[in-house]
Amino acid sequence: MATTDRQATTLALAHALSAAERGLAVIPLSRTKLPALRSPHRDEPQTPEASAASAASGSPEPAPNPPCHGECGRFGHGVYDAATDPARIRELFAAAPWATGYGIACGLPPHHLIGVDLDTKSGTDSSAALRELALRHLFTIPATVVVVTPSGGRHLWLSGPPDVVVPNSAGRLAPGIDIRGAGGYLVGPGSRTDHGVYATAPGTARLAPAACPPALLRLLLPPPRTPHHPTPASTGDHGQGLVQFVLAAHEGQRNTRLFWAACRAYEDGIGPALVDPLVEAALNTGLSEREARATIASAARMTGHRP
């Protein structure tokens, strides 16, 4: 078993060095897919939780230091340890001889990697959910690196803009679709875990991470925070514009236009007031009331509102 683990560590290091040559910052992972190096601050008595408890009890304990992101110079800070320098990567793996895989930090230059994790464990067809999103929001997933997980899931690698921070999320985009963004990591191909080996899908290993389609990128970002004001009886010119956008739909684009308009309405705080006008517009284009209300309800859920 020890020999097998040493071989797995050697292979993981080789794959990690290869990824680093492509500009991808890496860290060693254990068989559980977690960072192999534990935090050097794990035994420090003063934590944010302890500080809160002290404050509640009136204890004069000092406030904790800000979270360390590697400023202490020691290993064990998760993605903050991620490196592309071969010497540092070897040091990381030397400090974690039990590592059998490696993680690729997302959100860092030059690729500003975004990982779209299509899970198979949620009982939903995450690939179908992504295709539905693509259809409704008029984007296509370009040819890019695809990593197949031991459970049969897939990780799609996309490149983001340098000035945009994509957050991590689980199931927010759609059931079974998780997003790995800034502060997250993807298990690199060639990694061995308790459940098997991660591998690139045939024909994608030499591809560069493709640019994230703008329409998809917009979905990955948190909705803008807008002040909530009482909704006037009239939804204004913007609401009328969304209704006209739906009315102008031709067969084959009616649901897509209705979904887009409803999303914009909910994001702008006029969703509830615009439901009936949008339904009426959809009826005029040939959709049934049931179809129209189901599409608007889907838009409400997608934007974090209750239908």
C-alpha atoms as a PDB file:
ATOM      1  CA  MET A   1       0.000   0.000   0.000  1.00  0.00           C
ATOM      2  CA  ALA A   2       2.827   2.407   0.900  1.00  0.00           C
ATOM      3  CA  THR A   3       4.475   1.786  -2.476  1.00  0.00           C
ATOM      4  CA  THR A   4       1.185   2.440  -4.243  1.00  0.00           C
ATOM      5  CA  ASP A   5       0.750   5.718  -2.365  1.00  0.00           C
ATOM      6  CA  ARG A   6       4.297   6.803  -3.219  1.00  0.00           C
ATOM      7  CA  GLN A   7       3.617   6.071  -6.871  1.00  0.00           C
ATOM      8  CA  ALA A   8       0.377   8.052  -6.702  1.00  0.00           C
ATOM      9  CA  THR A   9       2.231  10.972  -5.097  1.00  0.00           C
ATOM     10  CA  THR A  10       4.922  10.877  -7.769  1.00  0.00           C
ATOM     11  CA  LEU A  11       2.312  10.846 -10.523  1.00  0.00           C
ATOM     12  CA  ALA A  12       0.338  13.647  -8.876  1.00  0.00           C
ATOM     13  CA  LEU A  13       3.470  15.789  -8.653  1.00  0.00           C
ATOM     14  CA  ALA A  14       4.243  15.135 -12.312  1.00  0.00           C
ATOM     15  CA  HIS A  15       0.712  16.119 -13.353  1.00  0.00           C
ATOM     16  CA  ALA A  16       0.826  19.193 -11.117  1.00  0.00           C
ATOM     17  CA  LEU A  17       4.112  20.347 -12.663  1.00  0.00           C
ATOM     18  CA  SER A  18       2.639  19.841 -16.109  1.00  0.00           C
ATOM     19  CA  ALA A  19      -0.388  21.958 -15.182  1.00  0.00           C
ATOM     20  CA  ALA A  20       1.885  24.656 -13.804  1.00  0.00           C
ATOM     21  CA  GLU A  21       3.657  24.837 -17.168  1.00  0.00           C
ATOM     22  CA  ARG A  22       0.292  25.930 -18.594  1.00  0.00           C
ATOM     23  CA  GLY A  23       0.039  28.749 -16.065  1.00  0.00           C
ATOM     24  CA  LEU A  24      -2.240  26.911 -13.631  1.00  0.00           C
ATOM     25  CA  ALA A  25      -1.441  27.374  -9.934  1.00  0.00           C
ATOM     26  CA  VAL A  26      -1.633  24.111  -7.980  1.00  0.00           C
ATOM     27  CA  ILE A  27      -1.698  22.658  -4.465  1.00  0.00           C
ATOM     28  CA  PRO A  28      -1.365  19.029  -3.271  1.00  0.00           C
ATOM     29  CA  LEU A  29      -4.573  17.195  -2.368  1.00  0.00           C
ATOM     30  CA  SER A  30      -5.241  14.136  -0.253  1.00  0.00           C
ATOM     31  CA  ARG A  31      -7.339  11.151  -1.336  1.00  0.00           C
ATOM     32  CA  THR A  32     -10.376  12.932   0.107  1.00  0.00           C
ATOM     33  CA  LYS A  33      -9.924  15.790  -2.399  1.00  0.00           C
ATOM     34  CA  LEU A  34      -9.107  18.177   0.445  1.00  0.00           C
ATOM     35  CA  PRO A  35      -5.871  20.186   0.686  1.00  0.00           C
ATOM     36  CA  ALA A  36      -3.198  17.771   1.879  1.00  0.00           C
ATOM     37  CA  LEU A  37      -1.552  20.272   4.217  1.00  0.00           C
ATOM     38  CA  ARG A  38      -3.398  21.220   7.381  1.00  0.00           C
ATOM     39  CA  SER A  39      -3.537  24.796   8.589  1.00  0.00           C
ATOM     40  CA  PRO A  40      -0.547  25.796  10.753  1.00  0.00           C
ATOM     41  CA  HIS A  41      -2.990  27.871  12.821  1.00  0.00           C
ATOM     42  CA  ARG A  42      -5.315  25.004  13.725  1.00  0.00           C
ATOM     43  CA  ASP A  43      -4.069  24.814  17.333  1.00  0.00           C
ATOM     44  CA  GLU A  44      -4.108  28.538  17.993  1.00  0.00           C
ATOM     45  CA  PRO A  45      -6.580  29.119  20.846  1.00  0.00           C
ATOM     46  CA  GLN A  46      -8.003  32.421  19.690  1.00  0.00           C
ATOM     47  CA  THR A  47     -10.486  31.997  16.849  1.00  0.00           C
ATOM     48  CA  PRO A  48     -13.273  34.259  15.579  1.00  0.00           C
ATOM     49  CA  GLU A  49     -15.789  31.977  17.293  1.00  0.00           C
ATOM     50  CA  ALA A  50     -13.899  32.162  20.582  1.00  0.00           C
ATOM     51  CA  SER A  51     -13.644  35.921  20.269  1.00  0.00           C
ATOM     52  CA  ALA A  52     -17.393  36.222  19.787  1.00  0.00           C
ATOM     53  CA  ALA A  53     -18.010  34.034  22.815  1.00  0.00           C
ATOM     54  CA  SER A  54     -15.615  36.149  24.895  1.00  0.00           C
ATOM     55  CA  ALA A  55     -17.305  39.347  23.818  1.00  0.00           C
ATOM     56  CA  ALA A  56     -20.716  37.916  24.726  1.00  0.00           C
ATOM     57  CA  SER A  57     -19.487  36.939  28.193  1.00  0.00           C
ATOM     58  CA  GLY A  58     -17.727  40.256  28.824  1.00  0.00           C
ATOM     59  CA  SER A  59     -14.293  38.648  28.927  1.00  0.00           C
ATOM     60  CA  PRO A  60     -11.424  41.075  28.143  1.00  0.00           C
ATOM     61  CA  GLU A  61      -9.784  38.613  25.759  1.00  0.00           C
ATOM     62  CA  PRO A  62      -8.052  40.318  22.811  1.00  0.00           C
ATOM     63  CA  ALA A  63      -9.646  40.189  19.381  1.00  0.00           C
ATOM     64  CA  PRO A  64      -8.248  37.538  17.030  1.00  0.00           C
ATOM     65  CA  ASN A  65      -5.758  38.383  14.347  1.00  0.00           C
ATOM     66  CA  PRO A  66      -7.124  38.688  10.810  1.00  0.00           C
ATOM     67  CA  PRO A  67      -7.240  35.354   8.935  1.00  0.00           C
ATOM     68  CA  CYS A  68      -3.829  34.400   7.612  1.00  0.00           C
ATOM     69  CA  HIS A  69      -3.599  33.791   3.879  1.00  0.00           C
ATOM     70  CA  GLY A  70      -0.012  32.617   3.956  1.00  0.00           C
ATOM     71  CA  GLU A  71       1.584  35.781   5.268  1.00  0.00           C
ATOM     72  CA  CYS A  72       3.133  33.713   8.056  1.00  0.00           C
ATOM     73  CA  GLY A  73       5.336  31.991   5.477  1.00  0.00           C
ATOM     74  CA  ARG A  74       4.209  28.459   6.357  1.00  0.00           C
ATOM     75  CA  PHE A  75       2.290  25.967   4.233  1.00  0.00           C
ATOM     76  CA  GLY A  76      -1.274  24.941   4.959  1.00  0.00           C
ATOM     77  CA  HIS A  77      -3.420  27.813   3.681  1.00  0.00           C
ATOM     78  CA  GLY A  78      -5.329  25.948   0.998  1.00  0.00           C
ATOM     79  CA  VAL A  79      -5.593  27.746  -2.326  1.00  0.00           C
ATOM     80  CA  TYR A  80      -3.449  30.570  -0.938  1.00  0.00           C
ATOM     81  CA  ASP A  81      -0.512  28.141  -1.167  1.00  0.00           C
ATOM     82  CA  ALA A  82      -1.155  27.593  -4.883  1.00  0.00           C
ATOM     83  CA  ALA A  83       1.923  28.068  -7.022  1.00  0.00           C
ATOM     84  CA  THR A  84       3.199  27.786 -10.573  1.00  0.00           C
ATOM     85  CA  ASP A  85       6.879  27.827  -9.590  1.00  0.00           C
ATOM     86  CA  PRO A  86       8.242  24.260  -9.944  1.00  0.00           C
ATOM     87  CA  ALA A  87      10.552  24.582  -6.935  1.00  0.00           C
ATOM     88  CA  ARG A  88       7.736  25.702  -4.656  1.00  0.00           C
ATOM     89  CA  ILE A  89       5.433  22.976  -5.970  1.00  0.00           C
ATOM     90  CA  ARG A  90       8.060  20.364  -5.140  1.00  0.00           C
ATOM     91  CA  GLU A  91       8.355  21.856  -1.655  1.00  0.00           C
ATOM     92  CA  LEU A  92       4.591  21.615  -1.192  1.00  0.00           C
ATOM     93  CA  PHE A  93       4.539  17.960  -2.219  1.00  0.00           C
ATOM     94  CA  ALA A  94       7.611  17.199  -0.120  1.00  0.00           C
ATOM     95  CA  ALA A  95       5.718  18.565   2.876  1.00  0.00           C
ATOM     96  CA  ALA A  96       2.741  16.339   2.004  1.00  0.00           C
ATOM     97  CA  PRO A  97       4.165  12.947   0.961  1.00  0.00           C
ATOM     98  CA  TRP A  98       0.688  11.412   1.409  1.00  0.00           C
ATOM     99  CA  ALA A  99      -0.786  13.587  -1.370  1.00  0.00           C
ATOM    100  CA  THR A 100      -2.273  11.599  -4.257  1.00  0.00           C
ATOM    101  CA  GLY A 101      -3.714  14.465  -6.264  1.00  0.00           C
ATOM    102  CA  TYR A 102      -3.546  18.168  -6.882  1.00  0.00           C
ATOM    103  CA  GLY A 103      -5.952  21.055  -6.971  1.00  0.00           C
ATOM    104  CA  ILE A 104      -5.981  23.871  -9.502  1.00  0.00           C
ATOM    105  CA  ALA A 105      -6.785  27.261  -7.992  1.00  0.00           C
ATOM    106  CA  CYS A 106      -9.540  29.162  -9.800  1.00  0.00           C
ATOM    107  CA  GLY A 107      -9.729  32.880 -10.454  1.00  0.00           C
ATOM    108  CA  LEU A 108      -5.984  33.457 -10.763  1.00  0.00           C
ATOM    109  CA  PRO A 109      -4.130  34.921 -13.754  1.00  0.00           C
ATOM    110  CA  PRO A 110      -3.447  34.237 -16.535  1.00  0.00           C
ATOM    111  CA  HIS A 111      -6.574  32.108 -17.155  1.00  0.00           C
ATOM    112  CA  HIS A 112      -8.824  33.347 -14.300  1.00  0.00           C
ATOM    113  CA  LEU A 113     -10.228  29.832 -14.345  1.00  0.00           C
ATOM    114  CA  ILE A 114     -13.939  29.188 -13.805  1.00  0.00           C
ATOM    115  CA  GLY A 115     -14.988  25.593 -13.195  1.00  0.00           C
ATOM    116  CA  VAL A 116     -18.472  24.389 -14.117  1.00  0.00           C
ATOM    117  CA  ASP A 117     -19.018  21.198 -12.128  1.00  0.00           C
ATOM    118  CA  LEU A 118     -21.769  19.016 -13.593  1.00  0.00           C
ATOM    119  CA  ASP A 119     -22.591  16.656 -10.750  1.00  0.00           C
ATOM    120  CA  THR A 120     -24.202  13.230 -11.053  1.00  0.00           C
ATOM    121  CA  LYS A 121     -25.078  12.719  -7.395  1.00  0.00           C
ATOM    122  CA  SER A 122     -28.027  15.095  -7.105  1.00  0.00           C
ATOM    123  CA  GLY A 123     -30.470  12.873  -8.962  1.00  0.00           C
ATOM    124  CA  THR A 124     -30.895  15.498 -11.683  1.00  0.00           C
ATOM    125  CA  ASP A 125     -29.515  15.654 -15.207  1.00  0.00           C
ATOM    126  CA  SER A 126     -27.090  18.539 -14.769  1.00  0.00           C
ATOM    127  CA  SER A 127     -25.960  18.353 -18.403  1.00  0.00           C
ATOM    128  CA  ALA A 128     -29.566  18.773 -19.541  1.00  0.00           C
ATOM    129  CA  ALA A 129     -29.969  21.673 -17.100  1.00  0.00           C
ATOM    130  CA  LEU A 130     -26.935  23.390 -18.628  1.00  0.00           C
ATOM    131  CA  ARG A 131     -28.294  22.849 -22.128  1.00  0.00           C
ATOM    132  CA  GLU A 132     -31.613  24.383 -21.068  1.00  0.00           C
ATOM    133  CA  LEU A 133     -29.824  27.403 -19.641  1.00  0.00           C
ATOM    134  CA  ALA A 134     -27.839  27.755 -22.860  1.00  0.00           C
ATOM    135  CA  LEU A 135     -31.020  27.627 -24.916  1.00  0.00           C
ATOM    136  CA  ARG A 136     -32.869  30.130 -22.788  1.00  0.00           C
ATOM    137  CA  HIS A 137     -29.998  32.593 -22.522  1.00  0.00           C
ATOM    138  CA  LEU A 138     -28.743  32.203 -26.081  1.00  0.00           C
ATOM    139  CA  PHE A 139     -25.192  30.985 -25.481  1.00  0.00           C
ATOM    140  CA  THR A 140     -23.192  27.910 -26.403  1.00  0.00           C
ATOM    141  CA  ILE A 141     -20.424  26.200 -24.459  1.00  0.00           C
ATOM    142  CA  PRO A 142     -17.259  26.452 -26.584  1.00  0.00           C
ATOM    143  CA  ALA A 143     -14.764  23.644 -27.069  1.00  0.00           C
ATOM    144  CA  THR A 144     -12.706  23.588 -23.899  1.00  0.00           C
ATOM    145  CA  VAL A 145     -10.968  21.331 -21.380  1.00  0.00           C
ATOM    146  CA  VAL A 146     -13.354  18.746 -19.904  1.00  0.00           C
ATOM    147  CA  VAL A 147     -12.346  16.617 -16.925  1.00  0.00           C
ATOM    148  CA  VAL A 148     -14.314  13.437 -16.194  1.00  0.00           C
ATOM    149  CA  THR A 149     -14.738  12.624 -12.502  1.00  0.00           C
ATOM    150  CA  PRO A 150     -14.724   9.093 -11.020  1.00  0.00           C
ATOM    151  CA  SER A 151     -18.491   9.327 -10.461  1.00  0.00           C
ATOM    152  CA  GLY A 152     -19.143  10.159 -14.113  1.00  0.00           C
ATOM    153  CA  GLY A 153     -19.560  13.893 -13.633  1.00  0.00           C
ATOM    154  CA  ARG A 154     -17.728  16.492 -15.674  1.00  0.00           C
ATOM    155  CA  HIS A 155     -15.740  19.640 -14.969  1.00  0.00           C
ATOM    156  CA  LEU A 156     -15.769  22.255 -17.728  1.00  0.00           C
ATOM    157  CA  TRP A 157     -12.871  24.702 -17.665  1.00  0.00           C
ATOM    158  CA  LEU A 158     -13.640  28.255 -18.754  1.00  0.00           C
ATOM    159  CA  SER A 159     -11.574  31.426 -18.694  1.00  0.00           C
ATOM    160  CA  GLY A 160     -12.981  34.579 -17.122  1.00  0.00           C
ATOM    161  CA  PRO A 161     -12.181  38.266 -17.588  1.00  0.00           C
ATOM    162  CA  PRO A 162      -9.358  39.590 -15.387  1.00  0.00           C
ATOM    163  CA  ASP A 163     -11.525  42.283 -13.804  1.00  0.00           C
ATOM    164  CA  VAL A 164     -14.456  40.054 -12.802  1.00  0.00           C
ATOM    165  CA  VAL A 165     -14.620  37.989  -9.606  1.00  0.00           C
ATOM    166  CA  VAL A 166     -16.811  34.917 -10.021  1.00  0.00           C
ATOM    167  CA  PRO A 167     -17.934  33.504  -6.649  1.00  0.00           C
ATOM    168  CA  ASN A 168     -18.217  29.847  -5.752  1.00  0.00           C
ATOM    169  CA  SER A 169     -21.738  28.467  -5.663  1.00  0.00           C
ATOM    170  CA  ALA A 170     -23.507  25.149  -5.265  1.00  0.00           C
ATOM    171  CA  GLY A 171     -26.754  24.561  -7.117  1.00  0.00           C
ATOM    172  CA  ARG A 172     -27.515  28.269  -7.517  1.00  0.00           C
ATOM    173  CA  LEU A 173     -27.252  28.195 -11.306  1.00  0.00           C
ATOM    174  CA  ALA A 174     -29.340  25.024 -11.526  1.00  0.00           C
ATOM    175  CA  PRO A 175     -29.677  21.781  -9.521  1.00  0.00           C
ATOM    176  CA  GLY A 176     -26.544  19.672  -9.899  1.00  0.00           C
ATOM    177  CA  ILE A 177     -24.405  22.514 -11.254  1.00  0.00           C
ATOM    178  CA  ASP A 178     -21.708  23.859  -8.945  1.00  0.00           C
ATOM    179  CA  ILE A 179     -19.382  26.716  -9.816  1.00  0.00           C
ATOM    180  CA  ARG A 180     -15.747  26.966  -8.765  1.00  0.00           C
ATOM    181  CA  GLY A 181     -14.567  30.558  -8.827  1.00  0.00           C
ATOM    182  CA  ALA A 182     -12.256  32.813  -6.841  1.00  0.00           C
ATOM    183  CA  GLY A 183     -11.078  31.074  -3.683  1.00  0.00           C
ATOM    184  CA  GLY A 184     -12.075  27.646  -4.998  1.00  0.00           C
ATOM    185  CA  TYR A 185     -10.209  24.874  -6.764  1.00  0.00           C
ATOM    186  CA  LEU A 186     -10.761  22.039  -9.202  1.00  0.00           C
ATOM    187  CA  VAL A 187      -9.342  18.546  -8.784  1.00  0.00           C
ATOM    188  CA  GLY A 188      -6.735  18.249 -11.526  1.00  0.00           C
ATOM    189  CA  PRO A 189      -6.745  15.452 -14.117  1.00  0.00           C
ATOM    190  CA  GLY A 190      -4.484  12.605 -13.086  1.00  0.00           C
ATOM    191  CA  SER A 191      -5.422  12.950  -9.414  1.00  0.00           C
ATOM    192  CA  ARG A 192      -6.244   9.743  -7.562  1.00  0.00           C
ATOM    193  CA  THR A 193      -8.947   9.834  -4.874  1.00  0.00           C
ATOM    194  CA  ASP A 194     -10.769   7.301  -2.735  1.00  0.00           C
ATOM    195  CA  HIS A 195     -13.320   6.959  -5.530  1.00  0.00           C
ATOM    196  CA  GLY A 196     -11.020   6.751  -8.540  1.00  0.00           C
ATOM    197  CA  VAL A 197      -8.972   8.830 -10.939  1.00  0.00           C
ATOM    198  CA  TYR A 198      -9.828  12.144 -12.614  1.00  0.00           C
ATOM    199  CA  ALA A 199      -9.046  12.211 -16.350  1.00  0.00           C
ATOM    200  CA  THR A 200      -9.422  14.621 -19.248  1.00  0.00           C
ATOM    201  CA  ALA A 201     -12.099  13.736 -21.782  1.00  0.00           C
ATOM    202  CA  PRO A 202     -10.709  12.509 -25.124  1.00  0.00           C
ATOM    203  CA  GLY A 203      -9.676  15.332 -27.423  1.00  0.00           C
ATOM    204  CA  THR A 204      -9.712  18.069 -24.778  1.00  0.00           C
ATOM    205  CA  ALA A 205      -6.411  17.634 -22.942  1.00  0.00           C
ATOM    206  CA  ARG A 206      -4.440  20.042 -25.147  1.00  0.00           C
ATOM    207  CA  LEU A 207      -7.141  22.697 -25.379  1.00  0.00           C
ATOM    208  CA  ALA A 208      -6.815  25.979 -23.534  1.00  0.00           C
ATOM    209  CA  PRO A 209      -9.665  27.004 -21.216  1.00  0.00           C
ATOM    210  CA  ALA A 210     -12.154  28.726 -23.525  1.00  0.00           C
ATOM    211  CA  ALA A 211     -13.544  32.162 -22.751  1.00  0.00           C
ATOM    212  CA  CYS A 212     -16.735  32.020 -20.699  1.00  0.00           C
ATOM    213  CA  PRO A 213     -19.683  33.155 -22.858  1.00  0.00           C
ATOM    214  CA  PRO A 214     -20.833  36.610 -21.675  1.00  0.00           C
ATOM    215  CA  ALA A 215     -24.425  35.441 -21.179  1.00  0.00           C
ATOM    216  CA  LEU A 216     -23.253  32.598 -18.941  1.00  0.00           C
ATOM    217  CA  LEU A 217     -20.852  34.873 -17.077  1.00  0.00           C
ATOM    218  CA  ARG A 218     -23.746  37.150 -16.261  1.00  0.00           C
ATOM    219  CA  LEU A 219     -25.590  34.231 -14.682  1.00  0.00           C
ATOM    220  CA  LEU A 220     -22.563  33.324 -12.562  1.00  0.00           C
ATOM    221  CA  LEU A 221     -22.340  36.737 -10.947  1.00  0.00           C
ATOM    222  CA  PRO A 222     -24.529  37.593  -7.949  1.00  0.00           C
ATOM    223  CA  PRO A 223     -27.515  39.761  -8.858  1.00  0.00           C
ATOM    224  CA  PRO A 224     -26.922  43.460  -8.213  1.00  0.00           C
ATOM    225  CA  ARG A 225     -28.285  44.739  -4.963  1.00  0.00           C
ATOM    226  CA  THR A 226     -31.034  47.212  -5.689  1.00  0.00           C
ATOM    227  CA  PRO A 227     -33.021  49.155  -3.110  1.00  0.00           C
ATOM    228  CA  HIS A 228     -36.530  47.850  -2.621  1.00  0.00           C
ATOM    229  CA  HIS A 229     -39.105  50.554  -3.094  1.00  0.00           C
ATOM    230  CA  PRO A 230     -42.866  50.147  -3.102  1.00  0.00           C
ATOM    231  CA  THR A 231     -43.904  49.057  -6.575  1.00  0.00           C
ATOM    232  CA  PRO A 232     -45.953  51.765  -8.281  1.00  0.00           C
ATOM    233  CA  ALA A 233     -49.117  50.919 -10.164  1.00  0.00           C
ATOM    234  CA  SER A 234     -47.218  51.488 -13.400  1.00  0.00           C
ATOM    235  CA  THR A 235     -43.961  49.653 -14.085  1.00  0.00           C
ATOM    236  CA  GLY A 236     -42.688  52.532 -16.180  1.00  0.00           C
ATOM    237  CA  ASP A 237     -40.986  52.627 -19.535  1.00  0.00           C
ATOM    238  CA  HIS A 238     -38.613  49.793 -18.666  1.00  0.00           C
ATOM    239  CA  GLY A 239     -41.496  47.452 -17.868  1.00  0.00           C
ATOM    240  CA  GLN A 240     -43.277  48.409 -21.060  1.00  0.00           C
ATOM    241  CA  GLY A 241     -40.075  47.774 -22.987  1.00  0.00           C
ATOM    242  CA  LEU A 242     -39.847  44.255 -21.576  1.00  0.00           C
ATOM    243  CA  VAL A 243     -43.452  43.590 -22.517  1.00  0.00           C
ATOM    244  CA  GLN A 244     -42.809  44.836 -26.070  1.00  0.00           C
ATOM    245  CA  PHE A 245     -39.730  42.597 -26.228  1.00  0.00           C
ATOM    246  CA  VAL A 246     -41.959  39.577 -25.531  1.00  0.00           C
ATOM    247  CA  LEU A 247     -44.626  40.735 -27.977  1.00  0.00           C
ATOM    248  CA  ALA A 248     -42.028  40.890 -30.762  1.00  0.00           C
ATOM    249  CA  ALA A 249     -41.108  37.197 -30.319  1.00  0.00           C
ATOM    250  CA  HIS A 250     -41.478  34.836 -33.255  1.00  0.00           C
ATOM    251  CA  GLU A 251     -42.179  31.121 -33.026  1.00  0.00           C
ATOM    252  CA  GLY A 252     -39.110  29.338 -31.700  1.00  0.00           C
ATOM    253  CA  GLN A 253     -37.996  32.233 -29.490  1.00  0.00           C
ATOM    254  CA  ARG A 254     -41.126  32.948 -27.444  1.00  0.00           C
ATOM    255  CA  ASN A 255     -40.076  31.087 -24.298  1.00  0.00           C
ATOM    256  CA  THR A 256     -36.526  32.408 -24.513  1.00  0.00           C
ATOM    257  CA  ARG A 257     -37.657  36.026 -24.805  1.00  0.00           C
ATOM    258  CA  LEU A 258     -40.224  35.618 -22.039  1.00  0.00           C
ATOM    259  CA  PHE A 259     -37.658  34.038 -19.703  1.00  0.00           C
ATOM    260  CA  TRP A 260     -35.096  36.784 -20.420  1.00  0.00           C
ATOM    261  CA  ALA A 261     -37.639  39.566 -19.884  1.00  0.00           C
ATOM    262  CA  ALA A 262     -38.895  38.017 -16.641  1.00  0.00           C
ATOM    263  CA  CYS A 263     -35.329  37.678 -15.318  1.00  0.00           C
ATOM    264  CA  ARG A 264     -34.658  41.348 -16.033  1.00  0.00           C
ATOM    265  CA  ALA A 265     -37.941  42.325 -14.394  1.00  0.00           C
ATOM    266  CA  TYR A 266     -37.179  40.425 -11.194  1.00  0.00           C
ATOM    267  CA  GLU A 267     -33.609  41.724 -11.082  1.00  0.00           C
ATOM    268  CA  ASP A 268     -34.940  45.285 -11.416  1.00  0.00           C
ATOM    269  CA  GLY A 269     -37.524  44.844  -8.652  1.00  0.00           C
ATOM    270  CA  ILE A 270     -40.612  44.982 -10.892  1.00  0.00           C
ATOM    271  CA  GLY A 271     -41.102  41.246 -11.376  1.00  0.00           C
ATOM    272  CA  PRO A 272     -44.296  40.783  -9.336  1.00  0.00           C
ATOM    273  CA  ALA A 273     -45.944  43.814 -10.946  1.00  0.00           C
ATOM    274  CA  LEU A 274     -45.012  42.652 -14.430  1.00  0.00           C
ATOM    275  CA  VAL A 275     -46.209  39.041 -14.170  1.00  0.00           C
ATOM    276  CA  ASP A 276     -49.687  39.641 -15.582  1.00  0.00           C
ATOM    277  CA  PRO A 277     -48.547  41.979 -18.398  1.00  0.00           C
ATOM    278  CA  LEU A 278     -45.870  39.456 -19.398  1.00  0.00           C
ATOM    279  CA  VAL A 279     -48.372  36.593 -19.341  1.00  0.00           C
ATOM    280  CA  GLU A 280     -50.764  38.607 -21.514  1.00  0.00           C
ATOM    281  CA  ALA A 281     -47.947  39.405 -23.952  1.00  0.00           C
ATOM    282  CA  ALA A 282     -46.946  35.731 -24.064  1.00  0.00           C
ATOM    283  CA  LEU A 283     -50.543  34.719 -24.790  1.00  0.00           C
ATOM    284  CA  ASN A 284     -50.544  37.125 -27.738  1.00  0.00           C
ATOM    285  CA  THR A 285     -47.481  35.364 -29.174  1.00  0.00           C
ATOM    286  CA  GLY A 286     -49.163  31.953 -29.007  1.00  0.00           C
ATOM    287  CA  LEU A 287     -47.941  30.521 -25.693  1.00  0.00           C
ATOM    288  CA  SER A 288     -50.458  29.001 -23.339  1.00  0.00           C
ATOM    289  CA  GLU A 289     -51.052  30.610 -19.945  1.00  0.00           C
ATOM    290  CA  ARG A 290     -49.614  27.524 -18.240  1.00  0.00           C
ATOM    291  CA  GLU A 291     -46.412  27.719 -20.309  1.00  0.00           C
ATOM    292  CA  ALA A 292     -46.070  31.453 -19.703  1.00  0.00           C
ATOM    293  CA  ARG A 293     -46.536  31.259 -15.946  1.00  0.00           C
ATOM    294  CA  ALA A 294     -44.152  28.285 -15.673  1.00  0.00           C
ATOM    295  CA  THR A 295     -41.457  30.202 -17.556  1.00  0.00           C
ATOM    296  CA  ILE A 296     -41.921  33.311 -15.405  1.00  0.00           C
ATOM    297  CA  ALA A 297     -41.800  31.182 -12.233  1.00  0.00           C
ATOM    298  CA  SER A 298     -38.545  29.637 -13.467  1.00  0.00           C
ATOM    299  CA  ALA A 299     -37.109  33.129 -14.006  1.00  0.00           C
ATOM    300  CA  ALA A 300     -38.137  34.106 -10.487  1.00  0.00           C
ATOM    301  CA  ARG A 301     -36.357  31.107  -8.991  1.00  0.00           C
ATOM    302  CA  MET A 302     -33.269  31.677 -11.166  1.00  0.00           C
ATOM    303  CA  THR A 303     -32.945  35.241  -9.851  1.00  0.00           C
ATOM    304  CA  GLY A 304     -33.467  34.254  -6.235  1.00  0.00           C
ATOM    305  CA  HIS A 305     -37.107  35.287  -5.854  1.00  0.00           C
ATOM    306  CA  ARG A 306     -40.206  33.356  -4.941  1.00  0.00           C
ATOM    307  CA  PRO A 307     -42.670  32.995  -7.809  1.00  0.00           C
END
